[in-house]
Amino acid sequence: MEKEQIERINELARKKKTVGLSEAELEEQAALRAQYLREFRANMEATLQAVRVEQADGTYKPLEKKKPN
């Protein structure tokens, strides 16, 4: 996400607290937040896939997703 887009998210958040947002601005804010979250989650997933945990025997094993109960 580009710096201008993050600044726009912050600008809309400040405006929402002070004077409120129009319907178009609310939609823009929702779209920007959704894009930010998608990119954040993708970056976090890539980071976690690169993590290796050292085992007791000295080998390294990638992280595994926790299985739901």
N, C-alpha and C. Protein backbone atom coordinates (compact mmCIF):
# COMPACT_ATOMS: atom_id res chain seq x y z
N MET A 1 0.85 -1.17 0.00
CA MET A 1 0.00 0.00 0.00
C MET A 1 0.90 1.23 0.00
N GLU A 2 0.53 2.17 -0.79
CA GLU A 2 1.35 3.38 -0.93
C GLU A 2 1.10 4.34 0.23
N LYS A 3 2.10 5.18 0.44
CA LYS A 3 2.05 6.13 1.56
C LYS A 3 0.83 7.05 1.45
N GLU A 4 0.50 7.47 0.23
CA GLU A 4 -0.65 8.37 0.03
C GLU A 4 -1.95 7.70 0.46
N GLN A 5 -2.07 6.40 0.22
CA GLN A 5 -3.28 5.69 0.61
C GLN A 5 -3.40 5.59 2.12
N ILE A 6 -2.29 5.34 2.80
CA ILE A 6 -2.31 5.29 4.27
C ILE A 6 -2.64 6.66 4.84
N GLU A 7 -2.07 7.71 4.24
CA GLU A 7 -2.40 9.06 4.69
C GLU A 7 -3.88 9.36 4.49
N ARG A 8 -4.45 8.86 3.40
CA ARG A 8 -5.88 9.08 3.13
C ARG A 8 -6.73 8.35 4.17
N ILE A 9 -6.34 7.14 4.55
CA ILE A 9 -7.06 6.41 5.61
C ILE A 9 -7.06 7.24 6.89
N ASN A 10 -5.91 7.76 7.25
CA ASN A 10 -5.80 8.55 8.48
C ASN A 10 -6.59 9.85 8.37
N GLU A 11 -6.56 10.48 7.21
CA GLU A 11 -7.32 11.71 7.00
C GLU A 11 -8.81 11.46 7.16
N LEU A 12 -9.30 10.37 6.59
CA LEU A 12 -10.72 10.05 6.71
C LEU A 12 -11.08 9.72 8.15
N ALA A 13 -10.20 9.05 8.87
CA ALA A 13 -10.47 8.73 10.28
C ALA A 13 -10.58 10.01 11.11
N ARG A 14 -9.67 10.95 10.87
CA ARG A 14 -9.73 12.23 11.61
C ARG A 14 -11.01 12.99 11.28
N LYS A 15 -11.37 13.00 9.99
CA LYS A 15 -12.57 13.72 9.58
C LYS A 15 -13.82 13.07 10.17
N LYS A 16 -13.83 11.75 10.25
CA LYS A 16 -14.98 11.04 10.81
C LYS A 16 -15.20 11.44 12.26
N LYS A 17 -14.11 11.63 13.01
CA LYS A 17 -14.21 12.00 14.43
C LYS A 17 -14.69 13.44 14.60
N THR A 18 -14.38 14.31 13.65
CA THR A 18 -14.71 15.72 13.83
C THR A 18 -16.04 16.11 13.19
N VAL A 19 -16.16 15.96 11.87
CA VAL A 19 -17.36 16.44 11.19
C VAL A 19 -18.20 15.34 10.57
N GLY A 20 -17.69 14.13 10.53
CA GLY A 20 -18.42 13.03 9.91
C GLY A 20 -18.05 12.88 8.44
N LEU A 21 -18.48 11.75 7.88
CA LEU A 21 -18.14 11.45 6.49
C LEU A 21 -19.42 11.32 5.65
N SER A 22 -19.28 11.66 4.38
CA SER A 22 -20.38 11.46 3.45
C SER A 22 -20.45 9.97 3.11
N GLU A 23 -21.51 9.59 2.42
CA GLU A 23 -21.67 8.18 2.03
C GLU A 23 -20.52 7.73 1.13
N ALA A 24 -20.10 8.58 0.21
CA ALA A 24 -18.99 8.24 -0.70
C ALA A 24 -17.69 8.07 0.08
N GLU A 25 -17.48 8.94 1.06
CA GLU A 25 -16.26 8.84 1.87
C GLU A 25 -16.27 7.60 2.75
N LEU A 26 -17.44 7.21 3.25
CA LEU A 26 -17.54 5.97 4.03
C LEU A 26 -17.18 4.76 3.18
N GLU A 27 -17.66 4.75 1.94
CA GLU A 27 -17.34 3.66 1.02
C GLU A 27 -15.84 3.64 0.70
N GLU A 28 -15.27 4.82 0.47
CA GLU A 28 -13.84 4.91 0.19
C GLU A 28 -13.03 4.41 1.38
N GLN A 29 -13.44 4.81 2.58
CA GLN A 29 -12.74 4.39 3.79
C GLN A 29 -12.80 2.87 3.95
N ALA A 30 -13.96 2.29 3.72
CA ALA A 30 -14.12 0.84 3.84
C ALA A 30 -13.24 0.11 2.82
N ALA A 31 -13.20 0.62 1.60
CA ALA A 31 -12.39 -0.02 0.55
C ALA A 31 -10.90 0.08 0.88
N LEU A 32 -10.46 1.24 1.35
CA LEU A 32 -9.05 1.41 1.70
C LEU A 32 -8.66 0.52 2.88
N ARG A 33 -9.53 0.44 3.87
CA ARG A 33 -9.24 -0.43 5.03
C ARG A 33 -9.18 -1.89 4.61
N ALA A 34 -10.09 -2.31 3.75
CA ALA A 34 -10.08 -3.70 3.28
C ALA A 34 -8.80 -4.01 2.52
N GLN A 35 -8.37 -3.08 1.68
CA GLN A 35 -7.13 -3.27 0.93
C GLN A 35 -5.94 -3.35 1.88
N TYR A 36 -5.91 -2.45 2.87
CA TYR A 36 -4.82 -2.44 3.86
C TYR A 36 -4.76 -3.78 4.60
N LEU A 37 -5.91 -4.28 5.04
CA LEU A 37 -5.95 -5.54 5.77
C LEU A 37 -5.51 -6.73 4.90
N ARG A 38 -5.95 -6.74 3.62
CA ARG A 38 -5.51 -7.82 2.72
C ARG A 38 -4.00 -7.84 2.58
N GLU A 39 -3.41 -6.66 2.37
CA GLU A 39 -1.96 -6.57 2.19
C GLU A 39 -1.23 -6.91 3.49
N PHE A 40 -1.75 -6.46 4.61
CA PHE A 40 -1.13 -6.76 5.91
C PHE A 40 -1.13 -8.27 6.16
N ARG A 41 -2.27 -8.90 5.92
CA ARG A 41 -2.38 -10.35 6.15
C ARG A 41 -1.46 -11.14 5.21
N ALA A 42 -1.36 -10.71 3.96
CA ALA A 42 -0.47 -11.39 3.01
C ALA A 42 0.99 -11.26 3.45
N ASN A 43 1.37 -10.08 3.90
CA ASN A 43 2.75 -9.88 4.38
C ASN A 43 3.01 -10.71 5.63
N MET A 44 2.05 -10.77 6.53
CA MET A 44 2.22 -11.55 7.76
C MET A 44 2.33 -13.04 7.43
N GLU A 45 1.51 -13.50 6.51
CA GLU A 45 1.56 -14.90 6.09
C GLU A 45 2.93 -15.24 5.50
N ALA A 46 3.46 -14.36 4.66
CA ALA A 46 4.78 -14.59 4.06
C ALA A 46 5.87 -14.62 5.13
N THR A 47 5.76 -13.74 6.11
CA THR A 47 6.73 -13.71 7.21
C THR A 47 6.67 -15.00 8.01
N LEU A 48 5.47 -15.45 8.34
CA LEU A 48 5.32 -16.66 9.13
C LEU A 48 5.79 -17.90 8.36
N GLN A 49 5.62 -17.91 7.05
CA GLN A 49 6.09 -19.04 6.26
C GLN A 49 7.61 -19.11 6.21
N ALA A 50 8.27 -18.00 6.44
CA ALA A 50 9.74 -17.97 6.42
C ALA A 50 10.34 -18.37 7.78
N VAL A 51 9.52 -18.41 8.82
CA VAL A 51 10.01 -18.73 10.17
C VAL A 51 10.27 -20.23 10.28
N ARG A 52 11.40 -20.56 10.87
CA ARG A 52 11.76 -21.96 11.14
C ARG A 52 12.06 -22.08 12.63
N VAL A 53 11.59 -23.17 13.23
CA VAL A 53 11.76 -23.41 14.66
C VAL A 53 12.81 -24.50 14.85
N GLU A 54 13.80 -24.21 15.69
CA GLU A 54 14.83 -25.19 15.95
C GLU A 54 14.29 -26.26 16.89
N GLN A 55 14.46 -27.51 16.49
CA GLN A 55 14.01 -28.64 17.29
C GLN A 55 15.11 -29.05 18.27
N ALA A 56 14.78 -29.94 19.19
CA ALA A 56 15.73 -30.38 20.20
C ALA A 56 16.94 -31.06 19.58
N ASP A 57 16.76 -31.72 18.43
CA ASP A 57 17.88 -32.42 17.79
C ASP A 57 18.72 -31.51 16.90
N GLY A 58 18.41 -30.23 16.86
CA GLY A 58 19.19 -29.27 16.10
C GLY A 58 18.67 -29.01 14.70
N THR A 59 17.66 -29.71 14.27
CA THR A 59 17.08 -29.47 12.95
C THR A 59 16.08 -28.32 13.04
N TYR A 60 15.75 -27.79 11.87
CA TYR A 60 14.79 -26.70 11.81
C TYR A 60 13.54 -27.18 11.09
N LYS A 61 12.40 -26.79 11.64
CA LYS A 61 11.12 -27.22 11.10
C LYS A 61 10.25 -25.98 10.88
N PRO A 62 9.55 -25.89 9.74
CA PRO A 62 8.67 -24.73 9.51
C PRO A 62 7.48 -24.75 10.47
N LEU A 63 6.93 -23.57 10.69
CA LEU A 63 5.74 -23.48 11.52
C LEU A 63 4.58 -24.20 10.83
N GLU A 64 3.70 -24.76 11.62
CA GLU A 64 2.51 -25.41 11.09
C GLU A 64 1.29 -24.69 11.62
N LYS A 65 0.25 -24.65 10.78
CA LYS A 65 -1.00 -24.03 11.24
C LYS A 65 -1.62 -24.90 12.31
N LYS A 66 -2.19 -24.24 13.29
CA LYS A 66 -2.87 -24.95 14.38
C LYS A 66 -4.17 -25.54 13.83
N LYS A 67 -4.43 -26.78 14.18
CA LYS A 67 -5.65 -27.43 13.71
C LYS A 67 -6.81 -27.06 14.64
N PRO A 68 -7.96 -26.69 14.03
CA PRO A 68 -9.13 -26.33 14.87
C PRO A 68 -9.63 -27.56 15.62
N ASN A 69 -10.17 -27.29 16.79
CA ASN A 69 -10.69 -28.39 17.64
C ASN A 69 -12.06 -28.80 17.22
